[in-house]
Amino acid sequence: MLMAAAAALGAGEGLSNGQVLNPFFAKLARSGSATPNKVRPLHILQIGDSHTAGDMISGAWREALQARYGSGGRGVMAPGRPYDGYLTRGITAAMSPEWSIAADFGKGWSEGHPPLGISAYTLTSRAAGATMALDAEPTERFDRLVLCGMTGPGAGAVTVRMGDVSDRLSFSSASARPECRTVTAPAAQTHVDITTDGGPVTLTSWATFYDHGGVVVSNLGVVGSQLVHFSRTDDSVVAEELQTYDPDLIVIAFGTNEGFAPRVSSFEYEAILRSQIGRIRRIAGNVPILLLGAPDALTRRSELLANGPGGDSSACREENAPSISPPPPPPTPIGGGNLAAAMARLGTFLGVMPGADPSLPAQAGTAQPAQPAAAPQPQALYPPGAVVQKLPARAPEGARTPLFPPSGLSVVRDVQRRVAASLHVAFWDWEGRMGGRCTALRWTRANPPLMRSDYVHYTKAGGKEIADRLEADLDRLTGAGR
């Protein structure tokens, strides 16, 4: 019933430049299913924003692949619990309060932060006895734990306890550098805990793997972030982690927050996208890259009608909804003569130049509308300090601003498609596979709902539907699943 309803909301083939993924498909075909022998699992690593952090889509994709090929473990995660409401499908993470948190965006971002790695979160404890723990569901059991952190003079150590295994890992060294340490167990485990001693400890990521074939899908997302924020991560840390975690496919899933920014410049966004794809290729080597296009998402914020020059912000058709006023004339695009000014703004935004950028984009998501007192409260979706789009006060249906996709979203999507073709990156048309423009309205009002009432984020059912459509397009390319 749900699948039939969702199918009516949009269908079609959405994958372009799929031949780029052939090395990944070849490994997937050889992986078969889980095996009792020691075999490294196939590893998909995804970086992105709240869609990735919430794990509704990546989690459903993980479950589908692991049901077919076997589970290779939970994969790479931010260490500990980097914010309240941290969603960890398949595992439960805990930590003591002694850890300080740095991030590439939001409350955890500041000048002078410790180096950031692929998870975009770094946790530091200066107190002996600080702890972290991870409990996995049976489907995500593991026999290999990886801890990545910073070594240096005076650095402390952690004691790792995993079943009958207890191992002390020292991060003290003559020079400061990133380093990943591995602890293995002779049998599958579902619990691990670490305790610090002997000095400060800084961790940039941790991961669990089950080395008996199968598939791993790592989701590394920061709520409210854009791809430009990922550029704040440290090359040497990311390089050490990628060498250790050895992904077979890297998925880049940003674009929603870029499309909801107060001002979207195709010139500036293309420069960021090209530079970060180039950076990832330089660090990761010949790992295939899949770029997910920005999905359909809606707002009533009139200031976003013309946030992307040339983009389409016409109103979505709502029953008894008023027609939308035409947007004001778009601002003048950045020309070549203003390149220096644009780069200066970008440098300031990245923290390279002093001063705060007053145009820092707001988070695209929205807080949920108030519920009746008797209804259970949903789990927090946003970390402390995240800037979220507020829903306007409820007004009579005829008086409210109509729903529309910000014009910046189509600008972002056009750049993504063009850059993917130019740089030979696989591209998946997320919006198209939802059914096209304004389909977020129907997804939100479906029964059961496939999107939350903010018209941006997905329910668990909606996340599964997106994951199924992505996997169907990948299967169609390889002939799998027939």
Protein backbone atom coordinates (compact mmCIF):
# COMPACT_ATOMS: atom_id res chain seq x y z
CA MET A 1 0.00 0.00 0.00
CA LEU A 2 2.77 2.43 1.00
CA MET A 3 4.89 1.49 -2.01
CA ALA A 4 1.95 1.98 -4.35
CA ALA A 5 1.21 5.39 -2.87
CA ALA A 6 4.85 6.43 -3.05
CA ALA A 7 5.16 5.23 -6.63
CA ALA A 8 2.42 7.68 -7.57
CA LEU A 9 4.50 10.50 -6.12
CA GLY A 10 7.22 10.23 -8.74
CA ALA A 11 9.33 7.73 -10.61
CA GLY A 12 12.01 7.63 -13.26
CA GLU A 13 15.67 6.99 -13.81
CA GLY A 14 17.88 9.48 -12.02
CA LEU A 15 21.50 8.34 -12.41
CA SER A 16 23.93 10.11 -14.75
CA ASN A 17 27.60 9.27 -15.47
CA GLY A 18 26.98 5.87 -13.92
CA GLN A 19 30.00 4.34 -15.65
CA VAL A 20 32.15 6.19 -13.12
CA LEU A 21 30.90 3.71 -10.52
CA ASN A 22 32.04 0.60 -12.43
CA PRO A 23 35.00 -0.11 -10.08
CA PHE A 24 32.60 -0.06 -7.13
CA PHE A 25 30.10 -2.30 -8.92
CA ALA A 26 32.87 -4.79 -9.74
CA LYS A 27 33.84 -5.03 -6.06
CA LEU A 28 30.18 -5.34 -5.06
CA ALA A 29 29.69 -8.23 -7.47
CA ARG A 30 32.70 -10.02 -5.98
CA SER A 31 31.61 -9.40 -2.40
CA GLY A 32 28.70 -11.84 -2.67
CA SER A 33 27.50 -12.29 0.89
CA ALA A 34 28.95 -12.51 4.38
CA THR A 35 31.62 -15.16 4.86
CA PRO A 36 33.21 -16.87 7.89
CA ASN A 37 36.63 -15.98 6.49
CA LYS A 38 38.45 -12.76 7.32
CA VAL A 39 37.46 -10.45 4.47
CA ARG A 40 37.29 -6.67 4.58
CA PRO A 41 33.71 -5.46 3.99
CA LEU A 42 32.78 -3.19 1.11
CA HIS A 43 32.67 0.37 2.44
CA ILE A 44 30.38 3.22 1.32
CA LEU A 45 31.19 6.51 3.07
CA GLN A 46 28.74 9.43 2.84
CA ILE A 47 29.33 13.03 3.95
CA GLY A 48 26.56 15.60 4.07
CA ASP A 49 24.11 17.72 6.05
CA SER A 50 21.09 16.87 8.23
CA HIS A 51 19.77 14.36 5.67
CA THR A 52 22.98 12.38 6.26
CA ALA A 53 23.19 13.08 10.00
CA GLY A 54 19.60 11.93 10.59
CA ASP A 55 20.37 8.60 8.84
CA MET A 56 16.81 8.13 7.60
CA ILE A 57 18.00 7.59 4.03
CA SER A 58 21.53 6.27 4.54
CA GLY A 59 20.23 4.00 7.32
CA ALA A 60 17.56 2.51 5.07
CA TRP A 61 20.16 2.07 2.31
CA ARG A 62 22.45 0.36 4.82
CA GLU A 63 19.72 -2.04 5.90
CA ALA A 64 18.82 -2.91 2.31
CA LEU A 65 22.41 -3.59 1.26
CA GLN A 66 23.22 -5.55 4.40
CA ALA A 67 20.09 -7.65 3.97
CA ARG A 68 21.37 -8.58 0.50
CA TYR A 69 25.13 -8.82 1.04
CA GLY A 70 25.58 -9.18 4.81
CA SER A 71 26.60 -6.68 7.48
CA GLY A 72 30.17 -5.45 7.67
CA GLY A 73 29.53 -3.37 10.80
CA ARG A 74 28.31 0.13 11.53
CA GLY A 75 31.27 1.93 9.98
CA VAL A 76 32.72 5.37 10.70
CA MET A 77 31.08 7.75 13.17
CA ALA A 78 31.80 10.94 15.02
CA PRO A 79 33.33 9.96 18.38
CA GLY A 80 31.01 9.80 21.38
CA ARG A 81 27.82 11.87 21.25
CA PRO A 82 28.78 15.19 19.63
CA TYR A 83 25.39 16.83 20.30
CA ASP A 84 22.10 16.24 22.10
CA GLY A 85 19.65 14.33 19.93
CA TYR A 86 22.49 12.61 18.03
CA LEU A 87 20.86 9.87 15.95
CA THR A 88 22.75 6.58 15.70
CA ARG A 89 20.73 3.94 13.90
CA GLY A 90 21.97 0.44 14.75
CA ILE A 91 24.15 1.50 17.68
CA THR A 92 23.86 3.53 20.89
CA ALA A 93 26.73 5.84 21.84
CA ALA A 94 27.38 7.36 25.26
CA MET A 95 30.07 9.49 26.87
CA SER A 96 30.92 11.20 30.15
CA PRO A 97 30.65 15.02 30.44
CA GLU A 98 34.40 15.74 30.44
CA TRP A 99 34.68 15.92 26.65
CA SER A 100 34.77 19.26 24.80
CA ILE A 101 33.38 19.32 21.26
CA ALA A 102 34.63 21.05 18.11
CA ALA A 103 32.78 20.96 14.78
CA ASP A 104 33.06 22.45 11.31
CA PHE A 105 29.73 24.28 11.74
CA GLY A 106 27.35 25.49 14.44
CA LYS A 107 28.00 25.76 18.15
CA GLY A 108 31.18 23.69 17.95
CA TRP A 109 32.89 25.93 15.38
CA SER A 110 35.42 28.52 16.56
CA GLU A 111 38.82 29.83 15.61
CA GLY A 112 41.69 27.89 17.13
CA HIS A 113 39.76 24.63 17.24
CA PRO A 114 41.65 21.31 17.23
CA PRO A 115 42.05 19.67 13.81
CA LEU A 116 38.89 18.19 12.30
CA GLY A 117 38.69 14.99 10.28
CA ILE A 118 36.23 13.20 8.04
CA SER A 119 33.47 13.17 10.69
CA ALA A 120 33.74 17.00 11.02
CA TYR A 121 33.68 16.58 14.84
CA THR A 122 36.64 16.43 17.22
CA LEU A 123 36.28 15.60 20.91
CA THR A 124 38.95 16.40 23.50
CA SER A 125 39.26 15.42 27.16
CA ARG A 126 41.91 16.85 29.48
CA ALA A 127 40.74 14.83 32.47
CA ALA A 128 41.77 11.28 33.31
CA GLY A 129 38.83 8.94 33.58
CA ALA A 130 36.74 10.40 30.75
CA THR A 131 34.77 7.65 29.03
CA MET A 132 33.01 6.77 25.79
CA ALA A 133 30.98 3.65 25.07
CA LEU A 134 29.26 2.06 22.10
CA ASP A 135 26.60 -0.66 22.11
CA ALA A 136 25.65 -2.24 18.79
CA GLU A 137 22.53 -4.10 17.80
CA PRO A 138 23.22 -7.73 16.83
CA THR A 139 22.98 -6.83 13.13
CA GLU A 140 25.86 -4.36 13.59
CA ARG A 141 28.19 -6.60 15.61
CA PHE A 142 31.90 -6.01 15.08
CA ASP A 143 35.34 -7.52 15.62
CA ARG A 144 37.46 -4.48 14.73
CA LEU A 145 37.47 -1.07 16.41
CA VAL A 146 39.33 1.91 14.95
CA LEU A 147 40.13 5.04 16.97
CA CYS A 148 41.53 8.06 15.13
CA GLY A 149 43.01 10.98 17.03
CA MET A 150 45.88 13.39 17.46
CA THR A 151 49.25 12.28 18.80
CA GLY A 152 51.84 14.63 20.26
CA PRO A 153 54.16 15.39 23.18
CA GLY A 154 52.32 14.99 26.47
CA ALA A 155 49.24 13.38 24.93
CA GLY A 156 47.44 10.80 27.01
CA ALA A 157 46.19 7.30 26.36
CA VAL A 158 42.94 5.35 26.26
CA THR A 159 42.20 1.90 27.58
CA VAL A 160 39.91 -0.03 25.24
CA ARG A 161 37.72 -2.82 26.64
CA MET A 162 35.96 -5.04 24.12
CA GLY A 163 34.79 -8.41 25.43
CA ASP A 164 37.82 -10.24 26.79
CA VAL A 165 40.15 -7.79 25.03
CA SER A 166 41.71 -4.92 26.98
CA ASP A 167 44.28 -2.75 25.24
CA ARG A 168 45.97 0.53 26.22
CA LEU A 169 46.61 2.88 23.28
CA SER A 170 49.00 5.77 23.87
CA PHE A 171 48.76 8.92 21.76
CA SER A 172 52.04 10.33 23.06
CA SER A 173 54.67 10.97 20.40
CA ALA A 174 57.56 13.30 19.66
CA SER A 175 55.57 15.26 17.05
CA ALA A 176 51.94 16.25 16.61
CA ARG A 177 50.21 14.30 13.87
CA PRO A 178 46.98 12.40 13.18
CA GLU A 179 47.04 8.67 13.75
CA CYS A 180 44.48 5.87 13.63
CA ARG A 181 44.78 2.87 15.97
CA THR A 182 43.09 -0.50 15.55
CA VAL A 183 41.98 -3.06 18.14
CA THR A 184 40.64 -6.46 17.05
CA ALA A 185 38.73 -9.17 18.88
CA PRO A 186 38.74 -12.92 18.14
CA ALA A 187 34.93 -13.06 18.19
CA ALA A 188 32.05 -10.75 17.33
CA GLN A 189 31.31 -8.03 19.89
CA THR A 190 28.38 -5.71 20.60
CA HIS A 191 29.97 -3.48 23.28
CA VAL A 192 33.13 -1.42 23.58
CA ASP A 193 34.17 1.29 26.01
CA ILE A 194 37.22 3.51 26.33
CA THR A 195 38.69 5.38 29.33
CA THR A 196 41.32 8.13 29.18
CA ASP A 197 44.42 8.46 31.36
CA GLY A 198 47.81 10.11 31.46
CA GLY A 199 47.07 13.41 29.70
CA PRO A 200 44.80 15.09 27.16
CA VAL A 201 43.20 12.91 24.49
CA THR A 202 41.80 14.24 21.19
CA LEU A 203 39.68 11.94 19.00
CA THR A 204 38.50 12.79 15.48
CA SER A 205 36.46 9.66 14.65
CA TRP A 206 35.87 6.04 15.56
CA ALA A 207 34.54 3.06 13.63
CA THR A 208 33.38 -0.52 14.03
CA PHE A 209 33.76 -3.19 11.35
CA TYR A 210 32.96 -6.88 11.07
CA ASP A 211 35.63 -8.36 8.83
CA HIS A 212 33.64 -11.15 7.22
CA GLY A 213 32.60 -9.53 3.96
CA GLY A 214 29.29 -7.75 3.66
CA VAL A 215 28.69 -4.01 3.30
CA VAL A 216 29.24 -0.95 5.50
CA VAL A 217 27.46 2.39 4.97
CA SER A 218 29.03 5.19 7.03
CA ASN A 219 26.97 8.37 7.43
CA LEU A 220 28.91 11.48 8.47
CA GLY A 221 26.66 14.54 8.54
CA VAL A 222 26.49 17.88 10.33
CA VAL A 223 23.06 19.44 10.77
CA GLY A 224 22.78 22.80 9.01
CA SER A 225 26.10 22.49 7.21
CA GLN A 226 27.13 23.15 3.63
CA LEU A 227 29.95 21.71 1.56
CA VAL A 228 31.95 24.88 2.18
CA HIS A 229 32.05 23.98 5.88
CA PHE A 230 33.64 20.63 5.06
CA SER A 231 36.60 22.61 3.71
CA ARG A 232 37.36 23.51 7.34
CA THR A 233 38.50 19.93 7.96
CA ASP A 234 42.23 19.22 8.04
CA ASP A 235 43.85 17.58 5.01
CA SER A 236 46.32 15.51 7.03
CA VAL A 237 43.61 14.19 9.38
CA VAL A 238 41.23 13.35 6.53
CA ALA A 239 44.07 11.65 4.63
CA GLU A 240 45.03 9.46 7.61
CA GLU A 241 41.40 8.49 8.18
CA LEU A 242 40.59 7.73 4.55
CA GLN A 243 43.72 5.62 4.24
CA THR A 244 42.64 3.64 7.30
CA TYR A 245 38.91 3.41 6.56
CA ASP A 246 39.57 2.67 2.87
CA PRO A 247 36.16 3.53 1.33
CA ASP A 248 35.14 1.92 -1.96
CA LEU A 249 32.60 4.65 -2.76
CA ILE A 250 32.35 8.23 -1.47
CA VAL A 251 28.91 9.87 -1.55
CA ILE A 252 28.64 13.68 -1.34
CA ALA A 253 25.19 14.76 -0.14
CA PHE A 254 25.06 18.52 0.37
CA GLY A 255 22.89 21.13 -1.34
CA THR A 256 19.75 21.77 0.71
CA ASN A 257 21.27 24.40 3.00
CA GLU A 258 23.07 25.99 0.06
CA GLY A 259 19.70 26.32 -1.70
CA PHE A 260 18.10 27.92 1.38
CA ALA A 261 20.86 30.49 1.88
CA PRO A 262 19.86 34.19 1.83
CA ARG A 263 21.87 34.61 -1.38
CA VAL A 264 23.01 31.89 -3.79
CA SER A 265 25.72 32.66 -6.33
CA SER A 266 26.20 29.98 -8.97
CA PHE A 267 29.73 31.28 -9.51
CA GLU A 268 30.76 30.96 -5.86
CA TYR A 269 29.01 27.63 -5.35
CA GLU A 270 30.61 26.13 -8.46
CA ALA A 271 34.05 27.21 -7.21
CA ILE A 272 33.39 25.51 -3.86
CA LEU A 273 32.02 22.33 -5.42
CA ARG A 274 34.89 21.97 -7.88
CA SER A 275 37.53 22.63 -5.22
CA GLN A 276 36.09 20.14 -2.71
CA ILE A 277 35.63 17.37 -5.27
CA GLY A 278 39.21 17.98 -6.37
CA ARG A 279 40.39 17.94 -2.76
CA ILE A 280 38.62 14.67 -1.98
CA ARG A 281 40.09 13.08 -5.10
CA ARG A 282 43.57 14.29 -4.22
CA ILE A 283 43.31 12.87 -0.70
CA ALA A 284 41.33 9.68 -1.38
CA GLY A 285 42.88 8.66 -4.69
CA ASN A 286 40.87 6.83 -7.34
CA VAL A 287 37.77 6.22 -5.23
CA PRO A 288 34.54 6.62 -7.26
CA ILE A 289 32.41 9.59 -6.19
CA LEU A 290 28.61 9.80 -6.31
CA LEU A 291 27.14 13.30 -6.01
CA LEU A 292 23.54 13.44 -4.78
CA GLY A 293 21.65 16.39 -6.24
CA ALA A 294 19.69 18.66 -3.92
CA PRO A 295 16.22 17.22 -3.20
CA ASP A 296 12.93 19.04 -3.53
CA ALA A 297 12.15 21.10 -0.41
CA LEU A 298 9.70 23.92 0.28
CA THR A 299 9.30 27.05 2.38
CA ARG A 300 6.93 29.97 2.95
CA ARG A 301 9.73 32.48 3.62
CA SER A 302 9.15 35.25 1.11
CA GLU A 303 12.77 36.46 1.35
CA LEU A 304 13.81 33.23 -0.42
CA LEU A 305 11.69 33.93 -3.50
CA ALA A 306 14.69 35.40 -5.30
CA ASN A 307 17.68 34.08 -3.34
CA GLY A 308 19.06 32.46 -6.50
CA PRO A 309 19.19 34.62 -9.65
CA GLY A 310 17.58 32.78 -12.53
CA GLY A 311 16.13 30.04 -10.33
CA ASP A 312 12.49 29.00 -10.31
CA SER A 313 10.53 29.99 -7.17
CA SER A 314 6.98 29.88 -8.52
CA ALA A 315 4.37 28.68 -6.04
CA CYS A 316 3.35 25.07 -5.60
CA ARG A 317 -0.32 24.32 -6.18
CA GLU A 318 -2.15 24.07 -2.86
CA GLU A 319 -5.89 23.66 -2.49
CA ASN A 320 -7.50 27.05 -1.72
CA ALA A 321 -4.07 28.69 -1.74
CA PRO A 322 -3.56 32.21 -3.14
CA SER A 323 -1.37 32.86 -6.15
CA ILE A 324 2.15 33.96 -5.39
CA SER A 325 3.43 37.43 -6.23
CA PRO A 326 6.22 37.63 -8.79
CA PRO A 327 9.66 37.84 -7.18
CA PRO A 328 11.59 41.12 -7.19
CA PRO A 329 14.30 41.62 -9.83
CA PRO A 330 17.26 39.36 -9.11
CA PRO A 331 20.51 40.87 -7.83
CA THR A 332 23.30 41.41 -10.33
CA PRO A 333 25.35 38.21 -10.78
CA ILE A 334 29.01 38.30 -9.82
CA GLY A 335 31.15 39.22 -12.79
CA GLY A 336 34.79 38.67 -13.43
CA GLY A 337 35.61 42.16 -12.15
CA ASN A 338 34.25 41.26 -8.76
CA LEU A 339 36.18 38.00 -8.47
CA ALA A 340 38.55 39.38 -5.83
CA ALA A 341 35.69 40.62 -3.69
CA ALA A 342 33.90 37.27 -3.99
CA MET A 343 37.02 35.36 -2.99
CA ALA A 344 37.59 37.74 -0.09
CA ARG A 345 34.09 37.04 1.18
CA LEU A 346 34.67 33.32 0.76
CA GLY A 347 37.96 33.53 2.67
CA THR A 348 36.29 35.37 5.52
CA PHE A 349 33.51 32.77 5.55
CA LEU A 350 36.05 29.96 5.88
CA GLY A 351 37.85 31.69 8.72
CA VAL A 352 40.97 32.35 6.62
CA MET A 353 40.61 36.11 7.06
CA PRO A 354 39.65 37.89 10.30
CA GLY A 355 36.06 38.98 10.87
CA ALA A 356 32.76 37.21 10.78
CA ASP A 357 30.74 36.90 7.62
CA PRO A 358 27.34 38.52 8.22
CA SER A 359 25.83 36.50 5.34
CA LEU A 360 26.43 33.08 6.95
CA PRO A 361 23.50 31.03 5.64
CA ALA A 362 20.80 29.80 7.94
CA GLN A 363 19.87 26.13 8.27
CA ALA A 364 17.24 25.03 5.80
CA GLY A 365 15.24 22.84 8.17
CA THR A 366 12.40 24.04 10.36
CA ALA A 367 11.41 23.41 13.92
CA GLN A 368 8.32 21.27 14.25
CA PRO A 369 4.95 22.94 14.93
CA ALA A 370 3.67 22.73 18.50
CA GLN A 371 1.77 19.53 19.29
CA PRO A 372 -1.14 19.00 21.71
CA ALA A 373 0.04 18.55 25.30
CA ALA A 374 -0.97 14.89 25.35
CA ALA A 375 1.08 13.99 22.28
CA PRO A 376 4.61 12.57 22.78
CA GLN A 377 7.39 14.98 21.92
CA PRO A 378 9.62 13.99 18.96
CA GLN A 379 13.32 13.37 19.48
CA ALA A 380 15.43 16.48 19.01
CA LEU A 381 16.57 16.78 15.38
CA TYR A 382 18.95 19.71 15.72
CA PRO A 383 22.10 20.02 17.88
CA PRO A 384 22.52 22.96 20.29
CA GLY A 385 23.52 26.10 18.40
CA ALA A 386 22.20 24.98 15.01
CA VAL A 387 20.46 27.79 13.12
CA VAL A 388 17.10 26.49 11.96
CA GLN A 389 14.38 27.91 9.78
CA LYS A 390 11.39 28.85 11.94
CA LEU A 391 7.90 28.04 10.74
CA PRO A 392 5.77 31.18 10.48
CA ALA A 393 2.91 31.58 12.92
CA ARG A 394 -0.17 29.74 11.77
CA ALA A 395 -2.48 31.99 9.80
CA PRO A 396 -5.73 31.45 7.92
CA GLU A 397 -5.04 29.32 4.83
CA GLY A 398 -5.91 32.12 2.44
CA ALA A 399 -3.62 34.61 4.19
CA ARG A 400 -0.46 32.53 4.32
CA THR A 401 2.41 32.81 1.86
CA PRO A 402 2.16 29.87 -0.57
CA LEU A 403 4.69 27.08 -0.40
CA PHE A 404 7.50 27.23 -2.96
CA PRO A 405 11.01 25.81 -3.49
CA PRO A 406 13.60 28.57 -2.94
CA SER A 407 14.95 29.70 -6.29
CA GLY A 408 18.44 28.96 -4.95
CA LEU A 409 17.71 25.23 -4.93
CA SER A 410 17.38 25.05 -8.70
CA VAL A 411 20.56 27.13 -9.05
CA VAL A 412 22.44 24.69 -6.81
CA ARG A 413 21.04 21.69 -8.67
CA ASP A 414 22.03 23.07 -12.08
CA VAL A 415 25.59 23.65 -10.87
CA GLN A 416 25.79 20.15 -9.39
CA ARG A 417 24.66 18.52 -12.62
CA ARG A 418 27.07 20.60 -14.73
CA VAL A 419 30.08 20.04 -12.46
CA ALA A 420 29.40 16.31 -12.20
CA ALA A 421 29.47 16.00 -15.98
CA SER A 422 32.60 18.14 -16.24
CA LEU A 423 34.56 16.32 -13.52
CA HIS A 424 33.31 12.81 -14.42
CA VAL A 425 31.48 12.30 -11.15
CA ALA A 426 28.33 10.16 -10.96
CA PHE A 427 25.21 12.27 -10.32
CA TRP A 428 21.87 11.21 -8.89
CA ASP A 429 18.85 13.45 -9.55
CA TRP A 430 17.24 13.31 -6.11
CA GLU A 431 14.58 15.90 -6.94
CA GLY A 432 13.68 14.15 -10.19
CA ARG A 433 13.37 10.77 -8.48
CA MET A 434 11.00 12.30 -5.92
CA GLY A 435 8.77 13.26 -8.84
CA GLY A 436 10.05 16.73 -9.66
CA ARG A 437 9.42 20.23 -8.47
CA CYS A 438 6.92 20.72 -5.59
CA THR A 439 6.57 16.99 -4.88
CA ALA A 440 7.68 17.67 -1.28
CA LEU A 441 4.11 18.93 -0.78
CA ARG A 442 2.62 15.57 -1.75
CA TRP A 443 5.28 13.62 0.14
CA THR A 444 4.51 15.60 3.31
CA ARG A 445 0.75 15.11 2.97
CA ALA A 446 0.91 11.44 1.97
CA ASN A 447 -0.66 8.84 4.24
CA PRO A 448 1.50 7.89 6.02
CA PRO A 449 3.65 11.04 5.66
CA LEU A 450 6.94 10.57 3.81
CA MET A 451 8.31 13.97 4.86
CA ARG A 452 8.08 15.97 8.06
CA SER A 453 5.84 19.01 8.33
CA ASP A 454 8.82 21.30 7.61
CA TYR A 455 8.70 20.11 3.93
CA VAL A 456 12.47 19.49 4.14
CA HIS A 457 13.27 16.41 6.22
CA TYR A 458 12.08 12.82 5.78
CA THR A 459 10.19 10.42 7.98
CA LYS A 460 11.51 6.89 8.37
CA ALA A 461 9.07 5.72 5.68
CA GLY A 462 10.16 8.52 3.36
CA GLY A 463 13.83 7.81 3.97
CA LYS A 464 13.29 4.19 3.01
CA GLU A 465 11.50 5.24 -0.16
CA ILE A 466 14.38 7.51 -1.22
CA ALA A 467 16.92 4.78 -0.44
CA ASP A 468 14.90 2.24 -2.43
CA ARG A 469 14.81 4.56 -5.45
CA LEU A 470 18.53 5.22 -5.28
CA GLU A 471 19.32 1.51 -5.02
CA ALA A 472 16.86 0.74 -7.84
CA ASP A 473 18.76 3.10 -10.14
CA LEU A 474 22.08 1.53 -9.16
CA ASP A 475 20.63 -1.95 -9.74
CA ARG A 476 19.23 -0.88 -13.10
CA LEU A 477 22.70 0.16 -14.18
CA THR A 478 24.27 -3.17 -13.24
CA GLY A 479 21.33 -5.47 -13.95
CA ALA A 480 21.31 -6.57 -10.30
CA GLY A 481 18.09 -7.36 -8.50
CA ARG A 482 16.43 -8.76 -11.63
